[in-house]
C-alpha cells in the first residue's frame, strides 16, 4: 500500500466539496416562531426579540402574542414560547407545536415553573425549558438549547442569529478536535495522519466561516491555504515533541492534533467574526494593559469624530436604512423588513409581526 504523507489533489477536491456543502448549509432557509406572553418580564422579552433579529435574508421570524396566536401548525424549524404568569397557556401552545414535530423552547424563570403533565415520549422530547433569570442568562441558555435542537441546520442558525455562534463554533471545534485526536492516536500508516488531520482542519475553517455568516467562495481559498501551511508547522511540532518527550508517540500526536485543531477553529472565528472593542476590553479589564486599551479607545474615538466631521453629508443614511450608534462610532444597517397584520396564508388580523432578514452580513 503506497505511503500517503502529503495533501493530494484528491484531498483538495474533497476540501472544495466541503466548501460547497458549508455554503449550502449557511444559506439554508429558516423559519422561526416566537410566541410572547405579554405578562413576561420586559427585559427577557426584549432579549429574546433582539436575539432573533435575523442577519440573513434566508431567515424569517414571526412574533405572536400568546393571547392571540394562531393554532399550532407544522412548518417551523423551531419555536420559542416566552412564558409569563400564564404558564399553563404557554405549555398548551408548546405541546401543540411539539405534536406537529416542531422543537419548542419554553422560556421560564425556572425549570420548576413547568407543569408535570404527562406527554408522549416523542412529544416530550421536543419541549425544553429554557431558564431565564435575566437577559444575559436567557441568551446563553437559548443558544445552548437551540444548537442542540436544530441539528444539521445549526450552521444556518449561527449565521442568521449571532447570539448562538459561540455555541455552534464550540461544537464544531470540539467535534473536529476529538476526531483529529483519534486519528493521531490510532496510527495506521506512518505520516498518514498528516493529510487526514489537515483536510479536517480545512473543513473546520470553512464551517466556522459559514457559521459566522461569511459566504464560502473562491475567496476562502486563502484560508484553506493558510490551514494547510499551518498543518506543516504542526507536523514539525509533533515530530520534535516525539523526539524529546518521554511519552508514547501516539499520545504526542493525539495531543498535537487536538491542539492544532482547536487553534485552527479559534483563528477562523477571529478572522470571520472579530470581537468588538467592548468584547476585547472585557478580556483585558482585569489585566495590566487595561489602561492602555482605554487610552487607545479614546484616541480612536477622537479620530472617528474628526473623520465624521470631514465626511459631512457622507454619513447620512440612505433611504431604507436605520442609523445605528455603537459607542462613539456610527454605522448604518439596512432596516429589517416588517409586515404586520394579515398573514399571506389568510390568517386573521391579530397584530403579529413577521421579520425577514434584511441585514445579510455578506
Protein backbone atom coordinates (compact mmCIF):
# COMPACT_ATOMS: atom_id res chain seq x y z
CA UNK A 1 0.00 0.00 0.00
CA UNK A 2 1.54 3.35 -1.00
CA UNK A 3 2.54 5.72 1.71
CA UNK A 4 0.45 8.87 1.86
CA UNK A 5 2.09 11.72 3.72
CA UNK A 6 1.11 14.74 1.64
CA UNK A 7 -2.08 16.59 0.84
CA UNK A 8 -3.08 15.27 -2.59
CA UNK A 9 -5.22 16.68 -5.38
CA UNK A 10 -7.94 14.34 -4.19
CA UNK A 11 -7.75 15.97 -0.76
CA UNK A 12 -8.03 19.42 -2.34
CA UNK A 13 -11.11 18.29 -4.27
CA UNK A 14 -12.55 16.95 -1.01
CA UNK A 15 -11.99 20.34 0.62
CA UNK A 16 -13.68 22.13 -2.30
CA UNK A 17 -16.71 19.87 -1.97
CA UNK A 18 -16.75 20.58 1.75
CA UNK A 19 -16.77 24.31 0.97
CA UNK A 20 -19.80 23.90 -1.27
CA UNK A 21 -21.52 21.96 1.50
CA UNK A 22 -20.71 24.68 4.06
CA UNK A 23 -22.13 27.38 1.79
CA UNK A 24 -25.28 25.35 1.19
CA UNK A 25 -25.76 24.92 4.93
CA UNK A 26 -25.18 28.63 5.57
CA UNK A 27 -27.85 29.69 3.07
CA UNK A 28 -30.49 27.16 4.16
CA UNK A 29 -33.90 28.90 4.55
CA UNK A 30 -35.09 29.14 8.15
CA UNK A 31 -38.42 29.89 9.79
CA UNK A 32 -38.75 30.69 13.49
CA UNK A 33 -41.89 31.25 15.55
CA UNK A 34 -41.70 33.35 18.73
CA UNK A 35 -44.79 33.41 20.97
CA UNK A 36 -44.71 36.02 23.73
CA UNK A 37 -46.81 36.23 26.89
CA UNK A 38 -47.29 39.96 27.47
CA UNK A 39 -47.01 39.38 31.22
CA UNK A 40 -43.42 38.11 30.88
CA UNK A 41 -40.53 40.19 32.20
CA UNK A 42 -39.83 43.04 29.79
CA UNK A 43 -36.05 42.60 29.78
CA UNK A 44 -36.42 38.90 28.93
CA UNK A 45 -38.91 39.62 26.13
CA UNK A 46 -36.64 42.27 24.62
CA UNK A 47 -33.63 39.96 24.89
CA UNK A 48 -35.47 37.19 23.02
CA UNK A 49 -36.72 39.53 20.31
CA UNK A 50 -33.25 41.03 19.88
CA UNK A 51 -31.66 37.57 19.72
CA UNK A 52 -33.98 36.52 16.92
CA UNK A 53 -33.46 39.55 14.70
CA UNK A 54 -32.22 37.75 11.53
CA UNK A 55 -28.96 38.78 9.92
CA UNK A 56 -29.53 36.88 6.67
CA UNK A 57 -32.28 37.22 4.08
CA UNK A 58 -32.83 33.46 4.20
CA UNK A 59 -34.28 33.59 7.73
CA UNK A 60 -37.81 34.65 8.69
CA UNK A 61 -39.07 35.18 12.23
CA UNK A 62 -42.73 35.52 13.18
CA UNK A 63 -43.61 37.05 16.56
CA UNK A 64 -47.07 36.43 18.02
CA UNK A 65 -48.87 37.23 21.24
CA UNK A 66 -49.73 34.24 23.41
CA UNK A 67 -53.28 35.52 23.80
CA UNK A 68 -53.89 35.72 20.04
CA UNK A 69 -51.56 33.17 18.50
CA UNK A 70 -52.57 31.00 15.56
CA UNK A 71 -53.40 27.31 16.14
CA UNK A 72 -50.20 25.22 16.22
CA UNK A 73 -49.09 24.12 12.76
CA UNK A 74 -46.06 22.36 11.27
CA UNK A 75 -43.53 24.08 9.03
CA UNK A 76 -41.42 25.88 11.64
CA UNK A 77 -37.78 24.93 12.13
CA UNK A 78 -38.01 25.92 15.78
CA UNK A 79 -40.37 27.77 18.12
CA UNK A 80 -39.75 29.79 21.28
CA UNK A 81 -42.54 30.44 23.78
CA UNK A 82 -41.81 33.18 26.32
CA UNK A 83 -43.96 32.41 29.36
CA UNK A 84 -45.08 34.92 31.96
CA UNK A 85 -47.80 34.39 34.52
CA UNK A 86 -49.84 32.29 32.07
CA UNK A 87 -47.59 29.24 32.20
CA UNK A 88 -50.41 26.76 31.56
CA UNK A 89 -51.38 28.52 28.32
CA UNK A 90 -47.73 28.61 27.25
CA UNK A 91 -47.46 24.88 27.91
CA UNK A 92 -50.52 24.17 25.79
CA UNK A 93 -49.07 26.10 22.85
CA UNK A 94 -45.72 24.34 23.26
CA UNK A 95 -47.40 20.94 23.39
CA UNK A 96 -49.42 21.68 20.25
CA UNK A 97 -46.32 22.74 18.33
CA UNK A 98 -44.38 19.70 19.54
CA UNK A 99 -47.18 17.42 18.35
CA UNK A 100 -46.63 19.00 14.92
CA UNK A 101 -42.96 17.99 15.08
CA UNK A 102 -41.59 21.45 15.95
CA UNK A 103 -38.81 21.72 18.59
CA UNK A 104 -40.02 24.17 21.25
CA UNK A 105 -38.12 26.07 23.91
CA UNK A 106 -40.28 27.44 26.73
CA UNK A 107 -38.61 30.44 28.38
CA UNK A 108 -39.44 30.42 32.10
CA UNK A 109 -37.94 31.84 35.27
CA UNK A 110 -37.16 28.32 36.48
CA UNK A 111 -37.50 24.81 35.10
CA UNK A 112 -39.71 24.12 38.11
CA UNK A 113 -42.30 26.50 36.65
CA UNK A 114 -43.26 23.97 34.01
CA UNK A 115 -46.02 21.55 34.96
CA UNK A 116 -45.56 17.83 35.28
CA UNK A 117 -48.13 16.91 32.62
CA UNK A 118 -47.51 13.50 31.13
CA UNK A 119 -46.76 13.69 27.41
CA UNK A 120 -45.93 11.00 24.87
CA UNK A 121 -42.19 10.41 24.74
CA UNK A 122 -41.81 11.70 21.18
CA UNK A 123 -43.66 14.91 22.11
CA UNK A 124 -41.90 15.48 25.43
CA UNK A 125 -38.53 15.13 23.67
CA UNK A 126 -39.32 18.24 21.60
CA UNK A 127 -40.27 20.50 24.54
CA UNK A 128 -37.46 22.01 26.62
CA UNK A 129 -37.43 24.52 29.46
CA UNK A 130 -35.09 27.48 28.92
CA UNK A 131 -34.32 29.15 32.28
CA UNK A 132 -34.33 32.95 32.14
CA UNK A 133 -33.19 34.69 35.29
CA UNK A 134 -32.27 37.74 33.21
CA UNK A 135 -31.46 38.97 29.71
CA UNK A 136 -27.90 37.59 29.62
CA UNK A 137 -28.97 34.25 31.05
CA UNK A 138 -31.79 33.79 28.56
CA UNK A 139 -29.47 34.43 25.60
CA UNK A 140 -26.89 31.93 26.84
CA UNK A 141 -29.49 29.28 27.67
CA UNK A 142 -31.33 29.83 24.39
CA UNK A 143 -28.08 29.37 22.46
CA UNK A 144 -27.29 26.12 24.28
CA UNK A 145 -30.78 24.74 23.66
CA UNK A 146 -31.08 25.98 20.08
CA UNK A 147 -27.85 24.48 18.76
CA UNK A 148 -28.80 21.11 20.18
CA UNK A 149 -32.37 21.30 18.90
CA UNK A 150 -31.85 22.28 15.26
CA UNK A 151 -29.33 19.58 14.34
CA UNK A 152 -27.96 19.90 10.81
CA UNK A 153 -29.32 23.45 10.46
CA UNK A 154 -27.03 24.69 13.22
CA UNK A 155 -24.68 26.48 10.82
CA UNK A 156 -27.59 28.32 9.19
CA UNK A 157 -28.93 29.38 12.59
CA UNK A 158 -25.49 30.57 13.73
CA UNK A 159 -25.09 32.58 10.53
CA UNK A 160 -28.50 34.23 10.87
CA UNK A 161 -28.59 34.68 14.65
CA UNK A 162 -25.22 35.74 16.12
CA UNK A 163 -26.25 35.02 19.72
CA UNK A 164 -25.76 31.28 19.10
CA UNK A 165 -22.49 31.49 17.14
CA UNK A 166 -20.21 30.84 20.08
CA UNK A 167 -22.14 27.71 20.98
CA UNK A 168 -22.13 26.36 17.41
CA UNK A 169 -18.47 27.15 16.79
CA UNK A 170 -17.51 25.44 20.05
CA UNK A 171 -19.48 22.38 18.95
CA UNK A 172 -17.77 22.34 15.54
CA UNK A 173 -14.30 22.75 17.05
CA UNK A 174 -14.86 20.15 19.77
CA UNK A 175 -16.09 17.54 17.30
CA UNK A 176 -13.26 18.12 14.83
CA UNK A 177 -10.59 18.25 17.55
CA UNK A 178 -11.69 14.95 19.07
CA UNK A 179 -11.73 13.32 15.63
CA UNK A 180 -8.20 14.54 14.89
CA UNK A 181 -7.00 13.40 18.30
CA UNK A 182 -8.35 9.94 17.49
CA UNK A 183 -6.54 9.99 14.13
CA UNK A 184 -3.28 10.87 15.86
CA UNK A 185 -3.73 8.18 18.49
CA UNK A 186 -4.57 5.40 16.02
CA UNK A 187 -1.69 5.32 13.57
CA UNK A 188 -2.36 3.02 10.62
CA UNK A 189 0.42 4.16 8.30
CA UNK A 190 3.45 6.33 9.14
CA UNK A 191 2.74 10.01 8.38
CA UNK A 192 -0.70 9.14 7.00
CA UNK A 193 -2.33 11.12 9.80
CA UNK A 194 -1.00 14.46 8.48
CA UNK A 195 -3.21 14.81 5.37
CA UNK A 196 -6.24 13.45 7.23
CA UNK A 197 -5.86 16.00 10.04
CA UNK A 198 -5.09 18.86 7.67
CA UNK A 199 -8.12 18.20 5.47
CA UNK A 200 -10.35 18.02 8.54
CA UNK A 201 -8.92 21.32 9.84
CA UNK A 202 -9.55 22.96 6.45
CA UNK A 203 -13.15 21.74 6.53
CA UNK A 204 -13.48 23.13 10.05
CA UNK A 205 -12.24 26.55 8.91
CA UNK A 206 -14.88 26.57 6.14
CA UNK A 207 -17.65 25.52 8.52
CA UNK A 208 -16.67 28.20 11.03
CA UNK A 209 -16.66 30.85 8.29
CA UNK A 210 -20.15 29.75 7.23
CA UNK A 211 -21.38 29.75 10.83
CA UNK A 212 -20.12 33.33 11.16
CA UNK A 213 -22.28 34.35 8.20
CA UNK A 214 -19.47 34.63 5.66
CA UNK A 215 -20.14 33.30 2.15
CA UNK A 216 -17.83 30.39 1.33
CA UNK A 217 -16.41 31.07 -2.13
CA UNK A 218 -13.18 31.17 -4.10
CA UNK A 219 -12.01 33.90 -1.73
CA UNK A 220 -11.94 31.26 1.01
CA UNK A 221 -9.04 29.50 -0.74
CA UNK A 222 -6.62 31.79 1.10
CA UNK A 223 -7.94 30.48 4.42
CA UNK A 224 -7.57 26.89 3.21
CA UNK A 225 -4.00 27.55 2.07
CA UNK A 226 -3.19 29.03 5.48
CA UNK A 227 -4.60 25.96 7.22
CA UNK A 228 -2.51 23.63 5.04
CA UNK A 229 0.61 25.70 5.72
CA UNK A 230 -0.13 25.59 9.44
CA UNK A 231 -0.51 21.82 9.12
CA UNK A 232 3.15 21.53 8.12
CA UNK A 233 4.11 23.53 11.20
CA UNK A 234 2.04 21.29 13.47
CA UNK A 235 3.64 18.19 11.93
CA UNK A 236 7.08 19.62 12.70
CA UNK A 237 5.98 20.28 16.27
CA UNK A 238 4.73 16.71 16.60
CA UNK A 239 7.95 15.22 15.22
CA UNK A 240 10.12 17.31 17.50
CA UNK A 241 7.96 16.55 20.53
CA UNK A 242 8.13 12.79 19.93
CA UNK A 243 11.92 13.05 19.94
CA UNK A 244 12.29 14.94 23.21
CA UNK A 245 9.29 13.92 25.34
CA UNK A 246 9.39 10.63 27.27
CA UNK A 247 5.82 9.71 26.28
CA UNK A 248 4.39 7.41 23.61
CA UNK A 249 4.33 8.84 20.10
CA UNK A 250 0.62 8.21 19.73
CA UNK A 251 -0.07 10.38 22.80
CA UNK A 252 2.01 13.25 21.43
CA UNK A 253 0.35 13.08 18.01
CA UNK A 254 -3.10 12.95 19.56
CA UNK A 255 -2.32 15.98 21.73
CA UNK A 256 -0.86 17.96 18.82
CA UNK A 257 -3.80 17.02 16.58
CA UNK A 258 -6.24 18.20 19.22
CA UNK A 259 -4.37 21.45 19.98
CA UNK A 260 -3.81 22.26 16.31
CA UNK A 261 -7.49 21.82 15.51
CA UNK A 262 -8.59 23.98 18.44
CA UNK A 263 -6.14 26.68 17.31
CA UNK A 264 -7.46 26.46 13.74
CA UNK A 265 -11.03 26.94 14.96
CA UNK A 266 -10.07 29.89 17.16
CA UNK A 267 -8.22 31.67 14.36
CA UNK A 268 -11.08 31.04 11.92
CA UNK A 269 -13.55 32.54 14.38
CA UNK A 270 -11.43 35.64 14.97
CA UNK A 271 -10.89 36.13 11.25
CA UNK A 272 -14.53 35.79 10.25
CA UNK A 273 -16.23 37.34 13.28
CA UNK A 274 -13.70 39.52 15.12
CA UNK A 275 -14.65 40.74 18.59
CA UNK A 276 -15.79 44.32 19.02
CA UNK A 277 -13.85 46.76 21.17
CA UNK A 278 -16.12 46.22 24.21
CA UNK A 279 -15.51 42.46 23.94
CA UNK A 280 -11.77 42.97 23.86
CA UNK A 281 -11.97 45.40 26.77
CA UNK A 282 -13.78 42.78 28.85
CA UNK A 283 -10.96 40.32 28.20
CA UNK A 284 -8.27 42.70 29.47
CA UNK A 285 -10.22 44.62 32.11
CA UNK A 286 -8.51 42.76 34.94
CA UNK A 287 -5.05 42.83 33.40
CA UNK A 288 -2.28 45.41 33.47
CA UNK A 289 -2.96 46.53 29.90
CA UNK A 290 -6.45 47.78 30.64
CA UNK A 291 -5.38 51.47 30.85
CA UNK A 292 -3.57 51.11 27.51
CA UNK A 293 -6.73 49.81 25.85
CA UNK A 294 -8.77 52.66 27.34
CA UNK A 295 -6.29 55.22 26.05
CA UNK A 296 -6.33 53.64 22.58
CA UNK A 297 -10.13 53.72 22.64
CA UNK A 298 -10.15 57.44 23.40
CA UNK A 299 -7.69 58.13 20.57
CA UNK A 300 -9.77 56.05 18.15
CA UNK A 301 -12.92 57.87 19.27
CA UNK A 302 -11.41 61.28 18.61
CA UNK A 303 -10.17 60.10 15.20
CA UNK A 304 -13.61 58.77 14.30
CA UNK A 305 -15.28 62.05 15.28
CA UNK A 306 -12.79 64.02 13.22
CA UNK A 307 -13.32 61.77 10.20
CA UNK A 308 -17.09 62.10 10.57
CA UNK A 309 -16.84 65.87 10.67
CA UNK A 310 -14.74 65.90 7.49
CA UNK A 311 -17.05 63.48 5.71
CA UNK A 312 -20.07 65.70 6.40
CA UNK A 313 -23.08 64.52 4.49
CA UNK A 314 -21.30 61.29 3.59
CA UNK A 315 -22.55 59.85 6.85
CA UNK A 316 -26.22 60.44 6.05
CA UNK A 317 -28.28 57.27 5.99
CA UNK A 318 -29.64 56.21 2.62
CA UNK A 319 -33.38 55.56 2.18
CA UNK A 320 -34.34 52.25 3.73
CA UNK A 321 -31.52 52.32 6.30
CA UNK A 322 -31.58 52.85 10.03
CA UNK A 323 -28.93 54.74 11.93
CA UNK A 324 -27.17 52.60 14.49
CA UNK A 325 -24.93 54.05 17.18
CA UNK A 326 -22.31 51.89 18.89
CA UNK A 327 -20.27 53.82 21.44
CA UNK A 328 -18.73 56.76 19.66
CA UNK A 329 -18.68 55.10 16.25
CA UNK A 330 -21.66 55.19 13.92
CA UNK A 331 -22.72 52.78 11.20
CA UNK A 332 -25.80 52.18 9.07
CA UNK A 333 -27.68 48.92 8.69
CA UNK A 334 -30.47 48.09 6.27
CA UNK A 335 -33.80 48.36 8.07
CA UNK A 336 -35.39 44.94 8.66
CA UNK A 337 -38.41 44.34 6.53
CA UNK A 338 -41.52 44.01 8.67
CA UNK A 339 -45.06 43.05 7.77
CA UNK A 340 -47.75 43.42 10.40
CA UNK A 341 -51.37 42.44 10.15
CA UNK A 342 -52.86 39.82 7.87
CA UNK A 343 -50.97 36.62 7.13
CA UNK A 344 -50.33 35.87 3.44
CA UNK A 345 -51.85 32.47 4.10
CA UNK A 346 -55.18 34.04 5.03
CA UNK A 347 -54.82 34.29 8.80
CA UNK A 348 -56.74 36.85 10.79
CA UNK A 349 -55.53 40.35 11.53
CA UNK A 350 -54.17 39.75 15.03
CA UNK A 351 -51.23 42.14 15.21
CA UNK A 352 -48.44 39.62 14.73
CA UNK A 353 -45.13 40.72 13.23
CA UNK A 354 -43.10 38.91 10.59
CA UNK A 355 -39.44 39.89 10.40
CA UNK A 356 -37.50 38.87 7.30
CA UNK A 357 -33.73 39.02 7.43
CA UNK A 358 -32.66 42.21 5.74
CA UNK A 359 -29.12 42.60 7.04
CA UNK A 360 -27.13 39.93 5.24
CA UNK A 361 -23.58 40.08 6.54
CA UNK A 362 -22.23 39.16 3.16
